[in-house]
Each structure stands twice: as C-alpha cells, then as structure tokens.
Protein backbone atom coordinates (compact mmCIF):
# COMPACT_ATOMS: atom_id res chain seq x y z
CA MET A 1 -22.35 49.88 25.39
CA ASN A 2 -22.70 50.90 22.56
CA LYS A 3 -21.33 48.01 19.87
CA ILE A 4 -19.78 47.81 16.44
CA GLU A 5 -19.60 44.80 13.96
CA VAL A 6 -16.83 44.43 13.12
CA ASN A 7 -15.47 40.93 10.75
CA PHE A 8 -13.00 38.19 11.37
CA LYS A 9 -10.98 36.69 9.74
CA LYS A 10 -8.33 34.14 10.20
CA LEU A 11 -5.22 34.29 7.98
CA VAL A 12 -3.35 31.42 9.89
CA GLU A 13 -5.62 28.13 11.66
CA TRP A 14 -3.01 29.25 14.80
CA ALA A 15 -4.87 33.03 15.12
CA ARG A 16 -6.72 33.92 18.19
CA ILE A 17 -10.03 36.05 17.52
CA PRO A 18 -8.86 39.20 20.04
CA GLU A 19 -11.04 38.91 23.39
CA TYR A 20 -11.55 41.60 26.46
CA GLU A 21 -10.08 40.48 29.75
CA THR A 22 -12.99 41.80 31.97
CA ARG A 23 -16.60 42.78 30.82
CA GLU A 24 -15.99 46.64 31.18
CA ALA A 25 -12.49 46.96 29.47
CA ALA A 26 -12.09 49.06 26.79
CA GLY A 27 -9.69 47.40 24.53
CA CYS A 28 -9.20 43.47 23.17
CA ASP A 29 -6.25 42.18 23.94
CA ILE A 30 -4.63 40.70 20.50
CA SER A 31 -2.02 38.12 20.51
CA LEU A 32 0.74 36.62 18.18
CA ALA A 33 0.71 34.26 15.48
CA ILE A 34 3.94 33.28 15.09
CA ARG A 35 4.66 29.38 15.35
CA GLU A 36 8.12 29.39 17.82
CA GLU A 37 9.84 31.55 20.82
CA LEU A 38 11.30 34.08 19.79
CA VAL A 39 13.72 37.16 21.17
CA LEU A 40 13.25 40.89 21.15
CA TYR A 41 16.44 42.80 21.88
CA PRO A 42 16.80 46.25 23.95
CA ASN A 43 15.65 48.64 21.65
CA GLU A 44 14.89 46.57 18.95
CA VAL A 45 11.97 47.40 17.03
CA LYS A 46 10.13 44.62 15.21
CA SER A 47 7.17 43.70 13.27
CA PHE A 48 4.60 40.56 14.14
CA PRO A 49 1.83 39.20 12.90
CA CYS A 50 -1.13 38.42 14.42
CA GLY A 51 -2.57 35.93 11.67
CA PHE A 52 -5.56 37.96 10.98
CA ALA A 53 -7.66 40.42 9.55
CA ILE A 54 -11.11 42.49 10.50
CA LYS A 55 -13.28 44.72 8.41
CA ILE A 56 -13.29 48.33 10.10
CA PRO A 57 -17.18 49.70 9.56
CA GLN A 58 -17.10 52.83 7.48
CA GLY A 59 -16.98 55.38 10.14
CA TYR A 60 -15.18 53.58 12.62
CA GLU A 61 -10.54 53.38 12.82
CA ALA A 62 -9.44 51.10 15.66
CA GLN A 63 -6.49 52.02 17.41
CA ILE A 64 -3.35 49.34 18.68
CA ARG A 65 -1.97 50.25 22.29
CA SER A 66 0.41 48.29 24.70
CA ARG A 67 -0.79 46.15 27.15
CA ALA A 68 0.54 47.83 30.81
CA GLY A 69 1.43 44.03 31.99
CA MET A 70 3.66 43.53 28.89
CA ALA A 71 4.51 47.29 29.04
CA ARG A 72 5.94 46.73 33.18
CA LYS A 73 7.80 43.66 30.84
CA GLY A 74 9.53 46.64 28.75
CA ILE A 75 7.69 45.30 25.92
CA VAL A 76 5.48 48.66 24.37
CA VAL A 77 4.11 49.45 21.02
CA ALA A 78 6.23 51.01 19.25
CA ASN A 79 3.58 53.65 17.56
CA ALA A 80 1.71 53.57 19.52
CA PRO A 81 -1.33 54.29 19.57
CA ALA A 82 -1.36 52.46 15.85
CA THR A 83 -4.01 53.45 13.44
CA ILE A 84 -6.40 50.98 11.98
CA ASP A 85 -8.58 52.94 9.24
CA ALA A 86 -12.00 51.22 8.19
CA GLU A 87 -10.48 51.01 4.04
CA HIS A 88 -7.44 48.51 5.75
CA THR A 89 -8.71 44.83 4.96
CA GLY A 90 -4.86 43.13 5.42
CA GLU A 91 -3.62 41.39 7.90
CA ILE A 92 -3.01 43.59 11.76
CA SER A 93 0.62 43.57 12.44
CA VAL A 94 2.09 44.35 15.39
CA LEU A 95 5.49 46.69 16.65
CA LEU A 96 7.16 45.52 19.34
CA LEU A 97 10.22 47.79 20.88
CA ASN A 98 11.36 45.94 24.10
CA VAL A 99 12.80 50.00 25.98
CA SER A 100 14.36 47.36 28.58
CA ASP A 101 18.14 46.86 29.36
CA LYS A 102 17.75 42.64 28.24
CA PRO A 103 16.95 40.79 25.59
CA LEU A 104 12.75 39.85 26.25
CA ARG A 105 11.25 36.38 25.21
CA ILE A 106 8.09 36.62 22.82
CA PHE A 107 6.02 33.32 22.74
CA PRO A 108 3.51 32.03 20.37
CA GLY A 109 -0.38 33.26 21.15
CA GLN A 110 1.04 35.55 23.23
CA LYS A 111 -1.22 38.66 24.16
CA VAL A 112 1.31 41.24 23.60
CA ALA A 113 -1.11 44.97 22.50
CA GLN A 114 -5.09 45.78 22.37
CA MET A 115 -6.72 47.21 20.34
CA VAL A 116 -9.50 49.71 20.83
CA PHE A 117 -12.71 50.75 18.64
CA SER A 118 -13.34 54.64 18.40
CA PRO A 119 -15.97 56.28 15.98
CA VAL A 120 -13.52 59.05 13.61
CA ILE A 121 -14.62 62.63 13.64
CA LYS A 122 -13.05 64.54 10.10
CA VAL A 123 -12.27 67.76 10.09
CA ASP A 124 -12.94 70.71 7.53
CA PHE A 125 -10.45 73.23 8.07
CA HIS A 126 -10.25 76.95 7.28
CA LEU A 127 -7.66 78.80 7.01
CA GLU A 128 -7.88 82.15 9.22
CA ASP A 129 -5.96 85.20 8.56
C-alpha cells in the first residue's frame, strides 16, 4: 500500500486528527469541531468546521465523502465528493445535508464524513474537427 505524508494542523484544541477505522479502510474518518449539539433540519444544508487544516503534497487531492453509517441515518455530504486541492491550506469544513424527513442531531466530535486521498492526473485537451 502506498503512503503519502500529509501535514496536519489543529486550528482548535478539540479538533481530532483524521483516523482510519480499519487497517484496509480507503477513507479516514473526519470529525466535527463544534462545541455544542446542533440540529440539521430536513433538506437543510449547513457547513460544519472540522477544526484542522492539512497540507496535501503537490500532485494529490483529498475527497470528502459520506460515511455509510451517517447516510443510513439521513445525513450525507451535500457536495460529495468534495475536492480539496493541494493548494488549499485553510480549515477543512464539511457541507452536510439532511435527506431524511425529520430533524437530526449533530454532536461535538461526531465522525460525519470520510476523506480519501488520490493522485491527480492532468489532461491536455485536443480539439477534433
């Protein structure tokens, strides 16, 4: 299995470092850095802070995707997969959408999404006649 080095910086003390739940997991779980329980209403989209920034090596990207357990409850990443380019150095946030028909609670430190790293392939487009 290939590995890359990604620098991680906590922006708030209570931020959690992303972690792989199992040895062969493709995505690492990311948690929210909120201080109190919040409610996400049906069809509501809201951005939630993760409390950290990362520096992805040039030639790679990170994608933020829904977690199966959260999707079963009705909460998905609204813009999945969200792309984080190597040049992004700000806080990582997750755009969540409640696709259920009832209000759902979001808890501090809750694992809400997963992050997958991939190489980037650039394309030269050639116009055909």
